[in-house]
Structure formats: structure tokens, C-alpha cells
Amino acid sequence: MSGRYGSAKGFAKRNRAVITMGLSALVIAGTADLFAGILQDQMTGYLFAGMMILIYSAIGMRGNIFGAMGSRIGTALNIGTFEMSLRKGTVLRANVESAILLTLVMSIAMGITTWVSAELLFSDVMSVWDFIFISTVGGVVAGAIVLGFNILIAYVGNKREWDVDNITAPLIAAIGDIVTMPLIFAATWMFLQVDGGLDYSETVIMGISLALIAVTVVFAVYIMKRKVSRRDFSGEAKRIVVQSLPILMICLIFEIGAGITIQNQQDSLVEYSVLLIMLPAFLNQGNALSGMLTSRLSSMIHLGTLEEGWLPGRGAYENFGIMYICAMLTFLYIGIISYAAAFITGGGSNVSFAIAIAVIMIAGFLATTILNILSYYVAVAATKFGLDPDDHCIPITSSVMDLLGSMVLVMIVGLLI
């Protein structure tokens, strides 16, 4: 390319703020994910058959639901329909209600699908009620915390006139990792306390699970009975749920696939603790980068500034370049801090520093290439089919990237270690 778009100096000048804000959010996210990785490395005693599937499905789904919420809020900020209010008929109220319902529904669905997958693949598996209990109790509490941070980001972004498309996806993905993993472990601990301390533990677990299902059904009926109004956003929660739920169910298949890929490599990950520590951050960066890119592309589509075609236009290629810069710097940073953390916790000596860095940089480059292509075509396809890219792009790209990212990482580990 030549001219204004072909100038490296012009590229840097145009995108300095984007790269600075994006890198800052990604570095914060990578640092936060380090603690999730260390926790996972230290909690191997809780990794029962199927738990890896549940953990990474829950983490991915948290990003899917709340990343999409952040994308919708970013678009609303950009086009001027957002107001910082939870009163009925506002964009924020609709997004909060839909996020709560989707969290409840998908937590129950994850518990059931994890149990089915574990039954097919492993022996000595917990009951379906146990998985529903762990998934829903851990998922609902984690969802409430992530929801609070999503509202906080919207408030600060609205007040300071930031483009939240550049920061929401990385920060929400990181917060989702930080809170979901420990709360899934906490819910597992609660399950074990009930299971080992009560004579009728199975009945208690089943009763709590059925109560959570009943609450979900009642709330779903409340949302679905809403009437769509042309004057405000009072029916927006219903629209979001109706359009999002089928996509999230499809995405759950990819999340389960990613969890199975990781579960099958559990022994290797436990043996090389640097990989176990690195794993949440690596997958989160794929989610964060794809969420950041699809949020930007979605806003460009709504504003009419993205050239939509079978081949990406200049605006898309410029965004691809931003992703490569942010990805390579943050993957290098993650590799370094993960290796340092592995040594501090006593597990880094069985993999050399060069190999650890090579694994994450090669896998990171391949994952970034995949997410650039995937994000563009998913955004364009959503528009062609008359769908809102804010509702569909982040869940689809994040879930596919969880599966492909885990497969890429496992492949590179197999080649280099």
C-alpha cells in the first residue's frame, strides 16, 4: 500500500492512542491472568474428571456474555444512545437484565454438557446435579462481579469520553479469568463440604440445583413477556436474549471442545507448571484480542466506516496490524512473567526459558493470524445476514479462538517440548 495508509509513520500517528490503550489493557489483563494460572497450578487436587472442561467453558462463556455486553455499550457510546442509568427503558438496564439471564441459563447448560462430556470420556464422574451446582453457584457469583466491573468501565469510559472498544474486551476477559477460576474452585470446595458432611448430601445438592433452575425459569418468563417499544429500549433485553442464546449454545460446543483438548493434556500441563501458569493468560489474550478487534469492527460497521467485502479493505488491514503489534508484545510479556512465576512457585526448572518463550511466541503469532481473519469475516457475515455484530461477533470469535488457540498451543508444545 502507498500514500497515507502505506506510511509507517502515519500508521503510528493515527493509532498511537489505540495501541497505547490496548496494550495497557492487555498488559493489565496478562498480569491479572498470571494469578489465575498460579491458582490453577496450586489447586491441582481439585481437578476431578471433567473439571478442566468446566473451568475453561465457564471462563470462555463469561467472556462471551460480558464481552458482547461491553461491545454493545461501546457502540451505544459511539452513536450517542447510552446513558448511565439503570431505569427501565435504558440501554444499560437492558444489558444488565439480559446478562443476568444469559449467565443463569448458560451456567446450567454448562453443568449438563460438562457432565455428558465427562461421562463419555472419563470414568468415576460426579453426578449431573454436582456439575450443575458447581457451575451455577460459581458462575452466578463470578457473573455478578464481572457485571459490576462492566458497569464501572462503562461509567468511567462515558465520563472520560474514552473509546471503550479498545479496553473493554481485554479487561473483561481478564476479570472473568480472575474471578471465575477461584469461584469455580470455591463452589467445588462447598460441594465437597456438603458431600462429606451431610447424610443427605445428594438430596441437598439436587435441591439447590433445582432451585437455581426454577429461579432461571421464572426470570426468563419475566423477560420474555416484555413488549418491544419503539420509544425506548424496554424490549431490548428480550431481543438480546433471543438473538444471543442460540449463538451462545453453539459457542458452548467450541468451549467444551477447548476444555476437552486441555483436559486431555492435563498430565503434561501439571508436569510442566510453567505451561499450566501460562495457559489462562494465553487463552485470555486470544479472547481479548479477538474481542478488541471485533468491537472495533462492529463500531465501524455501525458508523459506516468499514469497507465490507470478500477481501478486507484498508481499514481492516490497519486493524490487523494493530492486533499483531499488541499481540507480540503482550505474548512476550506473558511468557516472561509466567516463567518467573513458575520458578518462584518451584516448578520452572524442567523447561528452559528459550523453549517457554518460543512456545508462546509461535503459538501467539499463529493464534493472532487466525483471529484477524476470523474476526473480520464473522463481522461481515453477521451484517450480511441482518444480525447485530455486537451480539454475535465476540461470542463466536472468542469460542472458536478458545478451541483453536488451545489446539495451536498443544500442537506447539508437542513440537518443541
Protein backbone atom coordinates (compact mmCIF):
# COMPACT_ATOMS: atom_id res chain seq x y z
CA MET A 1 0.00 0.00 0.00
CA SER A 2 1.10 3.58 -0.56
CA GLY A 3 0.10 7.08 0.44
CA ARG A 4 -1.43 7.87 3.77
CA TYR A 5 -2.20 4.22 4.66
CA GLY A 6 1.19 2.99 3.48
CA SER A 7 3.25 5.24 5.72
CA ALA A 8 4.58 3.56 8.86
CA LYS A 9 4.88 6.99 10.46
CA GLY A 10 1.29 7.77 9.52
CA PHE A 11 0.13 4.40 10.89
CA ALA A 12 1.86 5.04 14.21
CA LYS A 13 0.47 8.56 14.46
CA ARG A 14 -3.10 7.51 13.65
CA ASN A 15 -3.12 4.58 16.02
CA ARG A 16 -0.93 5.75 18.89
CA ALA A 17 -3.87 6.15 21.27
CA VAL A 18 -5.41 2.81 20.24
CA ILE A 19 -2.16 0.90 20.66
CA THR A 20 -1.34 2.64 23.95
CA MET A 21 -4.77 1.98 25.48
CA GLY A 22 -4.97 -1.53 24.04
CA LEU A 23 -1.50 -2.51 25.22
CA SER A 24 -2.16 -1.06 28.67
CA ALA A 25 -5.36 -3.09 28.99
CA LEU A 26 -3.70 -6.24 27.62
CA VAL A 27 -0.72 -5.96 29.98
CA ILE A 28 -3.06 -5.46 32.93
CA ALA A 29 -5.07 -8.45 31.73
CA GLY A 30 -1.95 -10.61 31.27
CA THR A 31 -0.68 -9.73 34.74
CA ALA A 32 -4.06 -10.50 36.28
CA ASP A 33 -4.25 -13.81 34.42
CA LEU A 34 -0.92 -14.76 35.98
CA PHE A 35 -2.69 -15.11 39.32
CA ALA A 36 -5.37 -17.30 37.74
CA GLY A 37 -2.61 -19.51 36.33
CA ILE A 38 -0.79 -19.72 39.66
CA LEU A 39 -4.07 -20.60 41.41
CA GLN A 40 -4.71 -23.35 38.87
CA ASP A 41 -1.18 -24.68 39.39
CA GLN A 42 -1.73 -24.79 43.14
CA MET A 43 -5.24 -26.32 43.01
CA THR A 44 -4.48 -29.49 41.05
CA GLY A 45 -6.07 -31.53 43.85
CA TYR A 46 -9.48 -30.14 42.81
CA LEU A 47 -9.11 -31.14 39.15
CA PHE A 48 -11.52 -34.07 39.14
CA ALA A 49 -12.58 -35.75 35.90
CA GLY A 50 -14.28 -33.10 33.79
CA MET A 51 -13.23 -30.10 35.89
CA MET A 52 -10.85 -28.73 33.24
CA ILE A 53 -13.75 -28.84 30.78
CA LEU A 54 -15.99 -26.95 33.18
CA ILE A 55 -13.36 -24.37 34.17
CA TYR A 56 -12.44 -23.33 30.64
CA SER A 57 -16.02 -23.47 29.41
CA ALA A 58 -17.03 -21.19 32.30
CA ILE A 59 -14.16 -18.78 31.65
CA GLY A 60 -14.94 -18.64 27.94
CA MET A 61 -18.66 -18.16 28.47
CA ARG A 62 -18.07 -15.35 30.96
CA GLY A 63 -16.09 -13.52 28.28
CA ASN A 64 -18.72 -14.28 25.63
CA ILE A 65 -21.62 -12.86 27.63
CA PHE A 66 -19.94 -9.83 29.15
CA GLY A 67 -17.60 -9.11 26.24
CA ALA A 68 -20.68 -8.83 24.00
CA MET A 69 -22.30 -6.60 26.61
CA GLY A 70 -19.23 -4.35 26.57
CA SER A 71 -19.29 -4.25 22.77
CA ARG A 72 -22.96 -3.17 22.76
CA ILE A 73 -22.23 -0.47 25.32
CA GLY A 74 -19.23 0.70 23.25
CA THR A 75 -21.43 1.03 20.19
CA ALA A 76 -24.11 2.85 22.21
CA LEU A 77 -21.47 5.29 23.46
CA ASN A 78 -20.18 5.86 19.93
CA ILE A 79 -23.61 6.52 18.41
CA GLY A 80 -24.94 8.53 21.38
CA THR A 81 -27.72 6.28 22.74
CA PHE A 82 -26.04 5.38 26.06
CA GLU A 83 -26.93 6.93 29.39
CA MET A 84 -25.54 5.96 32.78
CA SER A 85 -28.86 4.90 34.30
CA LEU A 86 -30.48 1.63 35.36
CA ARG A 87 -34.03 2.91 34.97
CA LYS A 88 -36.38 0.91 32.79
CA GLY A 89 -36.02 1.59 29.07
CA THR A 90 -32.29 2.38 29.07
CA VAL A 91 -29.52 0.58 27.20
CA LEU A 92 -27.70 -0.18 30.46
CA ARG A 93 -30.79 -1.71 32.15
CA ALA A 94 -31.46 -3.93 29.13
CA ASN A 95 -27.87 -5.15 29.07
CA VAL A 96 -27.79 -5.86 32.80
CA GLU A 97 -31.02 -7.89 32.70
CA SER A 98 -30.00 -9.87 29.62
CA ALA A 99 -26.54 -10.59 31.06
CA ILE A 100 -28.04 -11.96 34.29
CA LEU A 101 -30.46 -14.26 32.46
CA LEU A 102 -27.84 -15.47 29.98
CA THR A 103 -25.45 -16.19 32.86
CA LEU A 104 -28.06 -18.33 34.63
CA VAL A 105 -29.11 -20.23 31.51
CA MET A 106 -25.59 -20.88 30.26
CA SER A 107 -24.29 -21.92 33.71
CA ILE A 108 -26.96 -24.63 33.88
CA ALA A 109 -26.23 -25.65 30.28
CA MET A 110 -22.50 -25.86 31.04
CA GLY A 111 -23.11 -28.11 34.02
CA ILE A 112 -25.19 -30.50 31.93
CA THR A 113 -22.89 -30.57 28.88
CA THR A 114 -19.78 -30.96 31.03
CA TRP A 115 -21.36 -33.96 32.76
CA VAL A 116 -22.31 -35.52 29.40
CA SER A 117 -18.79 -34.97 28.03
CA ALA A 118 -17.16 -36.36 31.17
CA GLU A 119 -19.44 -39.42 31.15
CA LEU A 120 -18.44 -40.16 27.56
CA LEU A 121 -14.71 -39.61 28.03
CA PHE A 122 -13.78 -40.46 31.61
CA SER A 123 -14.56 -42.84 34.46
CA ASP A 124 -15.63 -42.13 38.05
CA VAL A 125 -17.54 -38.95 37.16
CA MET A 126 -19.65 -36.84 39.55
CA SER A 127 -23.43 -36.66 39.06
CA VAL A 128 -25.12 -34.13 36.77
CA TRP A 129 -26.50 -32.30 39.84
CA ASP A 130 -22.98 -31.89 41.20
CA PHE A 131 -21.82 -30.27 37.96
CA ILE A 132 -24.90 -28.01 37.80
CA PHE A 133 -24.32 -26.94 41.42
CA ILE A 134 -20.63 -26.10 40.87
CA SER A 135 -21.22 -24.41 37.51
CA THR A 136 -24.20 -22.32 38.58
CA VAL A 137 -23.08 -21.29 42.08
CA GLY A 138 -19.59 -20.39 40.87
CA GLY A 139 -20.87 -18.88 37.62
CA VAL A 140 -23.55 -16.66 39.12
CA VAL A 141 -21.24 -15.12 41.73
CA ALA A 142 -18.49 -14.64 39.14
CA GLY A 143 -21.02 -13.15 36.71
CA ALA A 144 -22.21 -10.64 39.32
CA ILE A 145 -18.64 -9.44 39.88
CA VAL A 146 -17.87 -9.18 36.15
CA LEU A 147 -21.17 -7.35 35.62
CA GLY A 148 -20.14 -4.80 38.24
CA PHE A 149 -16.81 -4.21 36.50
CA ASN A 150 -18.56 -3.90 33.13
CA ILE A 151 -20.77 -1.15 34.54
CA LEU A 152 -17.72 0.53 36.10
CA ILE A 153 -15.86 0.52 32.77
CA ALA A 154 -18.94 1.98 31.06
CA TYR A 155 -19.21 4.70 33.74
CA VAL A 156 -15.56 5.71 33.59
CA GLY A 157 -15.48 5.47 29.78
CA ASN A 158 -18.61 7.62 29.47
CA LYS A 159 -17.31 10.20 31.94
CA ARG A 160 -13.85 10.49 30.36
CA GLU A 161 -15.07 10.11 26.76
CA TRP A 162 -12.89 7.06 26.09
CA ASP A 163 -13.41 4.66 23.21
CA VAL A 164 -14.20 1.67 25.41
CA ASP A 165 -13.94 -0.68 22.39
CA ASN A 166 -10.16 -0.56 22.94
CA ILE A 167 -10.20 -1.61 26.59
CA THR A 168 -13.43 -3.46 27.48
CA ALA A 169 -12.65 -6.85 25.89
CA PRO A 170 -9.16 -7.26 27.43
CA LEU A 171 -10.23 -6.08 30.87
CA ILE A 172 -13.48 -8.09 30.97
CA ALA A 173 -11.68 -11.22 29.75
CA ALA A 174 -9.06 -10.80 32.48
CA ILE A 175 -11.60 -10.08 35.21
CA GLY A 176 -13.57 -13.11 34.05
CA ASP A 177 -10.46 -15.28 34.40
CA ILE A 178 -9.53 -13.88 37.80
CA VAL A 179 -12.94 -14.34 39.39
CA THR A 180 -14.27 -17.40 37.54
CA MET A 181 -11.46 -19.83 38.31
CA PRO A 182 -11.29 -19.23 42.08
CA LEU A 183 -15.09 -19.17 42.37
CA ILE A 184 -15.41 -22.46 40.50
CA PHE A 185 -12.84 -23.89 42.94
CA ALA A 186 -14.78 -22.28 45.85
CA ALA A 187 -18.03 -23.86 44.60
CA THR A 188 -16.18 -27.19 44.33
CA TRP A 189 -14.99 -26.78 47.92
CA MET A 190 -18.57 -26.04 49.02
CA PHE A 191 -19.75 -29.15 47.19
CA LEU A 192 -17.10 -31.26 48.93
CA GLN A 193 -18.08 -29.85 52.33
CA VAL A 194 -21.73 -30.73 51.76
CA ASP A 195 -20.88 -34.07 50.18
CA GLY A 196 -18.64 -35.08 53.06
CA GLY A 197 -20.52 -33.50 55.94
CA LEU A 198 -24.20 -34.33 55.46
CA ASP A 199 -26.03 -37.65 55.47
CA TYR A 200 -28.38 -36.49 52.70
CA SER A 201 -25.79 -34.61 50.66
CA GLU A 202 -27.03 -35.80 47.27
CA THR A 203 -30.56 -34.61 48.08
CA VAL A 204 -29.26 -31.22 49.27
CA ILE A 205 -27.14 -30.69 46.14
CA MET A 206 -30.03 -31.73 43.88
CA GLY A 207 -32.43 -29.45 45.79
CA ILE A 208 -30.17 -26.41 45.45
CA SER A 209 -29.64 -27.15 41.74
CA LEU A 210 -33.39 -27.47 41.12
CA ALA A 211 -34.00 -24.20 43.00
CA LEU A 212 -31.49 -22.41 40.76
CA ILE A 213 -33.19 -23.86 37.68
CA ALA A 214 -36.59 -22.67 38.97
CA VAL A 215 -35.24 -19.13 39.53
CA THR A 216 -33.88 -19.13 35.99
CA VAL A 217 -37.23 -20.20 34.52
CA VAL A 218 -39.14 -17.50 36.45
CA PHE A 219 -36.70 -14.76 35.40
CA ALA A 220 -36.80 -15.97 31.78
CA VAL A 221 -40.62 -15.73 31.74
CA TYR A 222 -40.37 -12.20 33.21
CA ILE A 223 -38.02 -11.09 30.41
CA MET A 224 -39.80 -12.91 27.58
CA LYS A 225 -43.18 -11.32 28.43
CA ARG A 226 -41.77 -7.87 27.69
CA LYS A 227 -43.28 -5.87 24.83
CA VAL A 228 -40.93 -4.11 22.42
CA SER A 229 -41.29 -0.34 22.46
CA ARG A 230 -40.19 1.98 19.70
CA ARG A 231 -39.83 4.85 22.14
CA ASP A 232 -37.06 3.33 24.28
CA PHE A 233 -35.05 0.16 24.97
CA SER A 234 -37.60 -1.55 27.24
CA GLY A 235 -37.73 -4.60 24.95
CA GLU A 236 -34.00 -4.68 24.27
CA ALA A 237 -33.25 -7.31 26.94
CA LYS A 238 -35.67 -9.72 25.25
CA ARG A 239 -34.07 -9.05 21.83
CA ILE A 240 -30.56 -9.60 23.21
CA VAL A 241 -31.53 -12.90 24.85
CA VAL A 242 -33.42 -14.20 21.81
CA GLN A 243 -30.58 -13.36 19.42
CA SER A 244 -27.73 -14.32 21.76
CA LEU A 245 -28.91 -17.60 23.24
CA PRO A 246 -28.73 -19.75 20.06
CA ILE A 247 -25.25 -18.42 19.31
CA LEU A 248 -24.09 -19.00 22.88
CA MET A 249 -25.35 -22.59 22.76
CA ILE A 250 -23.35 -23.17 19.58
CA CYS A 251 -20.36 -21.45 21.17
CA LEU A 252 -20.66 -23.80 24.15
CA ILE A 253 -19.77 -26.67 21.82
CA PHE A 254 -16.49 -24.93 20.96
CA GLU A 255 -15.84 -24.15 24.64
CA ILE A 256 -16.41 -27.81 25.54
CA GLY A 257 -14.04 -28.79 22.71
CA ALA A 258 -11.39 -26.45 24.10
CA GLY A 259 -11.91 -27.88 27.59
CA ILE A 260 -11.57 -31.44 26.31
CA THR A 261 -8.35 -30.51 24.46
CA ILE A 262 -6.93 -29.08 27.69
CA GLN A 263 -8.28 -31.92 29.85
CA ASN A 264 -6.54 -34.48 27.62
CA GLN A 265 -3.23 -32.66 28.17
CA GLN A 266 -3.71 -32.26 31.92
CA ASP A 267 -0.83 -34.58 32.86
CA SER A 268 1.65 -32.67 30.68
CA LEU A 269 0.40 -29.32 31.96
CA VAL A 270 0.74 -30.42 35.57
CA GLU A 271 4.25 -31.79 34.87
CA TYR A 272 5.41 -28.53 33.26
CA SER A 273 3.91 -25.99 35.62
CA VAL A 274 5.05 -23.03 33.52
CA LEU A 275 2.56 -24.20 30.88
CA LEU A 276 -0.24 -24.52 33.44
CA ILE A 277 0.50 -21.00 34.70
CA MET A 278 0.75 -19.63 31.15
CA LEU A 279 -2.44 -21.28 29.87
CA PRO A 280 -5.13 -18.90 31.23
CA ALA A 281 -3.18 -15.84 30.08
CA PHE A 282 -2.53 -17.31 26.63
CA LEU A 283 -6.19 -18.17 26.02
CA ASN A 284 -7.34 -14.90 27.55
CA GLN A 285 -5.14 -12.88 25.22
CA GLY A 286 -6.71 -14.65 22.24
CA ASN A 287 -10.15 -13.75 23.64
CA ALA A 288 -9.09 -10.20 24.49
CA LEU A 289 -7.53 -9.51 21.10
CA SER A 290 -10.44 -11.00 19.15
CA GLY A 291 -12.88 -9.09 21.38
CA MET A 292 -10.95 -5.86 20.92
CA LEU A 293 -10.85 -6.33 17.13
CA THR A 294 -14.49 -7.35 16.73
CA SER A 295 -15.63 -4.48 18.98
CA ARG A 296 -13.75 -2.04 16.75
CA LEU A 297 -15.07 -3.64 13.56
CA SER A 298 -18.64 -3.68 14.92
CA SER A 299 -18.50 0.02 15.75
CA MET A 300 -17.02 0.75 12.29
CA ILE A 301 -19.89 -1.18 10.67
CA HIS A 302 -22.49 0.77 12.68
CA LEU A 303 -20.78 4.05 11.76
CA GLY A 304 -20.42 3.04 8.10
CA THR A 305 -16.62 3.42 8.06
CA LEU A 306 -15.64 -0.21 7.35
CA GLU A 307 -15.21 -1.33 3.75
CA GLU A 308 -17.20 -4.57 3.71
CA GLY A 309 -16.21 -7.06 1.02
CA TRP A 310 -14.98 -10.57 0.41
CA LEU A 311 -11.45 -9.21 0.75
CA PRO A 312 -10.61 -6.94 3.71
CA GLY A 313 -10.19 -3.26 2.93
CA ARG A 314 -7.56 -0.81 4.14
CA GLY A 315 -9.34 -0.10 7.40
CA ALA A 316 -9.47 -3.81 8.25
CA TYR A 317 -5.78 -4.34 7.39
CA GLU A 318 -4.84 -1.42 9.58
CA ASN A 319 -6.68 -3.03 12.48
CA PHE A 320 -4.93 -6.35 11.75
CA GLY A 321 -1.61 -4.54 12.11
CA ILE A 322 -2.68 -3.12 15.46
CA MET A 323 -3.53 -6.65 16.65
CA TYR A 324 -0.13 -8.04 15.62
CA ILE A 325 1.73 -5.27 17.46
CA CYS A 326 -0.35 -5.66 20.62
CA ALA A 327 -0.21 -9.47 20.45
CA MET A 328 3.54 -9.92 20.03
CA LEU A 329 4.39 -7.51 22.83
CA THR A 330 1.87 -8.93 25.28
CA PHE A 331 2.66 -12.60 24.48
CA LEU A 332 6.34 -11.88 25.09
CA TYR A 333 5.44 -10.22 28.39
CA ILE A 334 3.23 -13.17 29.40
CA GLY A 335 5.98 -15.67 28.59
CA ILE A 336 8.48 -13.80 30.77
CA ILE A 337 6.24 -13.32 33.82
CA SER A 338 4.89 -16.89 33.58
CA TYR A 339 8.39 -18.33 33.60
CA ALA A 340 9.34 -16.12 36.55
CA ALA A 341 6.22 -17.21 38.42
CA ALA A 342 6.96 -20.88 37.72
CA PHE A 343 10.40 -20.50 39.30
CA ILE A 344 9.01 -18.66 42.30
CA THR A 345 6.48 -21.43 42.90
CA GLY A 346 9.15 -24.11 42.36
CA GLY A 347 8.12 -25.61 39.01
CA GLY A 348 10.03 -23.86 36.24
CA SER A 349 13.32 -25.75 36.04
CA ASN A 350 12.11 -28.57 33.76
CA VAL A 351 11.51 -26.23 30.78
CA SER A 352 14.17 -23.81 29.54
CA PHE A 353 13.39 -20.11 29.25
CA ALA A 354 14.07 -20.16 25.49
CA ILE A 355 11.64 -23.03 24.93
CA ALA A 356 8.92 -21.40 27.05
CA ILE A 357 9.25 -18.12 25.12
CA ALA A 358 9.37 -19.94 21.77
CA VAL A 359 6.19 -21.84 22.62
CA ILE A 360 4.12 -18.77 23.47
CA MET A 361 5.50 -16.54 20.69
CA ILE A 362 4.98 -19.07 17.88
CA ALA A 363 1.58 -20.12 19.20
CA GLY A 364 0.68 -16.46 19.75
CA PHE A 365 1.61 -15.45 16.20
CA LEU A 366 -0.46 -18.29 14.72
CA ALA A 367 -3.42 -17.52 17.00
CA THR A 368 -3.32 -13.81 16.09
CA THR A 369 -3.31 -14.62 12.38
CA ILE A 370 -6.35 -16.86 12.84
CA LEU A 371 -8.26 -14.32 14.93
CA ASN A 372 -7.63 -11.48 12.47
CA ILE A 373 -9.13 -13.45 9.60
CA LEU A 374 -11.92 -14.95 11.71
CA SER A 375 -12.98 -11.65 13.32
CA TYR A 376 -13.30 -9.82 10.00
CA TYR A 377 -15.36 -12.45 8.23
CA VAL A 378 -17.63 -13.09 11.24
CA ALA A 379 -18.37 -9.35 11.50
CA VAL A 380 -19.08 -9.06 7.77
CA ALA A 381 -21.19 -12.26 7.73
CA ALA A 382 -23.28 -11.06 10.69
CA THR A 383 -24.05 -7.84 8.82
CA LYS A 384 -24.88 -9.67 5.58
CA PHE A 385 -27.42 -11.81 7.45
CA GLY A 386 -29.00 -8.75 9.07
CA LEU A 387 -27.71 -9.53 12.56
CA ASP A 388 -26.20 -7.12 15.07
CA PRO A 389 -22.43 -7.82 15.09
CA ASP A 390 -22.26 -6.63 18.73
CA ASP A 391 -24.42 -9.62 19.77
CA HIS A 392 -22.68 -12.31 17.74
CA CYS A 393 -19.07 -11.43 16.89
CA ILE A 394 -17.45 -11.66 20.32
CA PRO A 395 -19.16 -14.92 21.39
CA ILE A 396 -18.37 -16.64 18.07
CA THR A 397 -14.78 -15.44 17.70
CA SER A 398 -13.94 -15.96 21.38
CA SER A 399 -15.33 -19.50 21.47
CA VAL A 400 -13.68 -20.54 18.22
CA MET A 401 -10.42 -18.96 19.40
CA ASP A 402 -10.62 -20.87 22.68
CA LEU A 403 -10.77 -24.13 20.73
CA LEU A 404 -8.25 -23.20 18.02
CA GLY A 405 -5.97 -21.41 20.50
CA SER A 406 -5.82 -24.43 22.79
CA MET A 407 -5.18 -26.70 19.77
CA VAL A 408 -2.41 -24.41 18.48
CA LEU A 409 -0.78 -24.27 21.91
CA VAL A 410 -0.97 -28.06 22.36
CA MET A 411 0.49 -28.54 18.88
CA ILE A 412 3.43 -26.20 19.51
CA VAL A 413 4.07 -27.78 22.93
CA GLY A 414 4.13 -31.20 21.24
CA LEU A 415 6.63 -29.98 18.65
CA LEU A 416 9.00 -28.13 21.00
CA ILE A 417 8.80 -30.00 24.33
